[in-house]
Amino acid sequence: MALEMRTECEKCSANLHNKSEAYICTYECTFCHTCTEEMEFVCPNCGGELVKRPRSGKAVLS
């Protein structure tokens, strides 16, 4: 099962393209690096750890 690879930070709406440094929790809540640091690597939705999302080699399809 592939990751959804969301294209927008859930907190600040920053654009996250396929090569962006983004962070996700186990539910794939997605945040930019800046917001993740501000939240101390804890997902505000589930309380889980935010980890670096793998980067895709392909373009994200809309």
N, C-alpha and C. Protein backbone atom coordinates (compact mmCIF):
# COMPACT_ATOMS: atom_id res chain seq x y z
N MET A 1 0.85 -1.18 0.00
CA MET A 1 0.00 0.00 0.00
C MET A 1 0.89 1.24 0.00
N ALA A 2 0.69 2.12 -0.95
CA ALA A 2 1.51 3.32 -1.10
C ALA A 2 1.04 4.43 -0.18
N LEU A 3 1.97 5.31 0.16
CA LEU A 3 1.62 6.50 0.94
C LEU A 3 0.80 7.45 0.06
N GLU A 4 -0.05 8.22 0.69
CA GLU A 4 -0.90 9.17 -0.04
C GLU A 4 -0.09 10.32 -0.61
N MET A 5 1.02 10.70 0.02
CA MET A 5 1.89 11.79 -0.43
C MET A 5 1.12 13.10 -0.60
N ARG A 6 0.50 13.54 0.47
CA ARG A 6 -0.26 14.79 0.45
C ARG A 6 0.64 15.95 0.06
N THR A 7 0.06 16.95 -0.58
CA THR A 7 0.85 18.04 -1.16
C THR A 7 0.76 19.35 -0.39
N GLU A 8 0.20 19.32 0.82
CA GLU A 8 0.03 20.55 1.59
C GLU A 8 0.19 20.28 3.08
N CYS A 9 0.89 21.19 3.77
CA CYS A 9 1.03 21.10 5.22
C CYS A 9 -0.34 21.34 5.86
N GLU A 10 -0.72 20.48 6.79
CA GLU A 10 -2.03 20.59 7.44
C GLU A 10 -2.13 21.78 8.39
N LYS A 11 -0.99 22.35 8.80
CA LYS A 11 -1.02 23.47 9.74
C LYS A 11 -0.95 24.82 9.03
N CYS A 12 0.02 24.99 8.13
CA CYS A 12 0.23 26.31 7.52
C CYS A 12 -0.12 26.36 6.03
N SER A 13 -0.51 25.23 5.46
CA SER A 13 -0.89 25.11 4.04
C SER A 13 0.28 25.30 3.07
N ALA A 14 1.51 25.16 3.55
CA ALA A 14 2.67 25.26 2.66
C ALA A 14 2.60 24.15 1.61
N ASN A 15 3.05 24.48 0.41
CA ASN A 15 3.08 23.51 -0.68
C ASN A 15 4.19 22.49 -0.42
N LEU A 16 3.86 21.21 -0.50
CA LEU A 16 4.83 20.13 -0.29
C LEU A 16 4.89 19.28 -1.55
N HIS A 17 5.86 19.56 -2.42
CA HIS A 17 6.00 18.77 -3.64
C HIS A 17 6.72 17.46 -3.31
N ASN A 18 6.88 16.61 -4.29
CA ASN A 18 7.42 15.27 -4.04
C ASN A 18 8.85 15.26 -3.51
N LYS A 19 9.60 16.32 -3.65
CA LYS A 19 10.97 16.39 -3.14
C LYS A 19 11.06 17.20 -1.84
N SER A 20 9.93 17.70 -1.34
CA SER A 20 9.93 18.50 -0.12
C SER A 20 10.22 17.66 1.10
N GLU A 21 10.83 18.29 2.11
CA GLU A 21 11.01 17.63 3.39
C GLU A 21 9.70 17.77 4.15
N ALA A 22 9.01 16.66 4.31
CA ALA A 22 7.72 16.65 5.00
C ALA A 22 7.75 15.57 6.08
N TYR A 23 6.86 15.71 7.04
CA TYR A 23 6.78 14.76 8.16
C TYR A 23 5.37 14.22 8.27
N ILE A 24 5.26 12.93 8.63
CA ILE A 24 3.96 12.27 8.75
C ILE A 24 3.89 11.46 10.03
N CYS A 25 2.64 11.21 10.48
CA CYS A 25 2.40 10.29 11.59
C CYS A 25 1.89 8.98 11.00
N THR A 26 1.50 8.05 11.84
CA THR A 26 1.03 6.75 11.34
C THR A 26 -0.28 6.86 10.56
N TYR A 27 -1.02 7.97 10.74
CA TYR A 27 -2.26 8.19 10.00
C TYR A 27 -2.04 9.05 8.76
N GLU A 28 -0.78 9.35 8.46
CA GLU A 28 -0.37 10.16 7.32
C GLU A 28 -0.79 11.63 7.42
N CYS A 29 -1.04 12.12 8.63
CA CYS A 29 -1.18 13.56 8.80
C CYS A 29 0.15 14.14 8.34
N THR A 30 0.13 15.21 7.57
CA THR A 30 1.33 15.69 6.89
C THR A 30 1.63 17.14 7.25
N PHE A 31 2.90 17.41 7.59
CA PHE A 31 3.32 18.74 8.01
C PHE A 31 4.67 19.09 7.40
N CYS A 32 4.91 20.39 7.21
CA CYS A 32 6.21 20.86 6.73
C CYS A 32 7.23 20.79 7.87
N HIS A 33 8.49 20.97 7.53
CA HIS A 33 9.57 20.88 8.52
C HIS A 33 9.41 21.94 9.62
N THR A 34 9.11 23.17 9.23
CA THR A 34 8.98 24.26 10.20
C THR A 34 7.87 23.99 11.21
N CYS A 35 6.70 23.61 10.74
CA CYS A 35 5.59 23.33 11.65
C CYS A 35 5.89 22.12 12.53
N THR A 36 6.54 21.11 11.96
CA THR A 36 6.89 19.91 12.73
C THR A 36 7.80 20.27 13.89
N GLU A 37 8.80 21.12 13.64
CA GLU A 37 9.69 21.55 14.72
C GLU A 37 8.91 22.33 15.78
N GLU A 38 8.02 23.23 15.35
CA GLU A 38 7.21 24.01 16.29
C GLU A 38 6.35 23.11 17.17
N MET A 39 5.89 21.98 16.63
CA MET A 39 5.04 21.04 17.37
C MET A 39 5.86 19.97 18.09
N GLU A 40 7.19 20.14 18.06
CA GLU A 40 8.12 19.23 18.73
C GLU A 40 7.96 17.78 18.27
N PHE A 41 7.72 17.60 16.97
CA PHE A 41 7.63 16.29 16.33
C PHE A 41 6.50 15.42 16.90
N VAL A 42 5.42 16.07 17.36
CA VAL A 42 4.24 15.36 17.87
C VAL A 42 3.03 15.79 17.04
N CYS A 43 2.30 14.83 16.51
CA CYS A 43 1.11 15.11 15.71
C CYS A 43 0.02 15.71 16.60
N PRO A 44 -0.52 16.87 16.23
CA PRO A 44 -1.58 17.48 17.04
C PRO A 44 -2.92 16.75 16.93
N ASN A 45 -3.06 15.91 15.92
CA ASN A 45 -4.31 15.19 15.71
C ASN A 45 -4.41 13.91 16.51
N CYS A 46 -3.32 13.13 16.54
CA CYS A 46 -3.36 11.82 17.21
C CYS A 46 -2.39 11.70 18.37
N GLY A 47 -1.47 12.66 18.51
CA GLY A 47 -0.48 12.59 19.58
C GLY A 47 0.69 11.68 19.27
N GLY A 48 0.73 11.14 18.05
CA GLY A 48 1.81 10.24 17.64
C GLY A 48 3.05 11.00 17.19
N GLU A 49 4.12 10.26 17.01
CA GLU A 49 5.40 10.82 16.57
C GLU A 49 5.33 11.19 15.10
N LEU A 50 5.90 12.35 14.76
CA LEU A 50 6.04 12.76 13.37
C LEU A 50 7.44 12.38 12.90
N VAL A 51 7.51 11.65 11.79
CA VAL A 51 8.78 11.22 11.23
C VAL A 51 8.90 11.70 9.79
N LYS A 52 10.14 11.78 9.31
CA LYS A 52 10.37 12.27 7.96
C LYS A 52 9.72 11.33 6.94
N ARG A 53 8.96 11.94 6.04
CA ARG A 53 8.28 11.19 4.98
C ARG A 53 9.31 10.83 3.91
N PRO A 54 9.26 9.59 3.39
CA PRO A 54 10.18 9.24 2.30
C PRO A 54 9.89 10.10 1.08
N ARG A 55 10.92 10.39 0.33
CA ARG A 55 10.75 11.19 -0.88
C ARG A 55 10.45 10.28 -2.05
N SER A 56 9.54 10.73 -2.89
CA SER A 56 9.15 9.95 -4.06
C SER A 56 10.05 10.31 -5.24
N GLY A 57 10.31 9.34 -6.08
CA GLY A 57 11.08 9.60 -7.28
C GLY A 57 10.21 10.06 -8.43
N LYS A 58 8.89 9.92 -8.29
CA LYS A 58 7.95 10.30 -9.35
C LYS A 58 7.22 11.58 -8.97
N ALA A 59 6.72 12.28 -9.96
CA ALA A 59 5.93 13.48 -9.73
C ALA A 59 4.62 13.11 -9.04
N VAL A 60 4.17 13.96 -8.13
CA VAL A 60 2.91 13.74 -7.44
C VAL A 60 1.78 14.10 -8.39
N LEU A 61 0.83 13.20 -8.55
CA LEU A 61 -0.31 13.45 -9.42
C LEU A 61 -1.42 14.13 -8.65
N SER A 62 -2.04 15.13 -9.25
CA SER A 62 -3.13 15.84 -8.58
C SER A 62 -4.44 15.14 -8.80
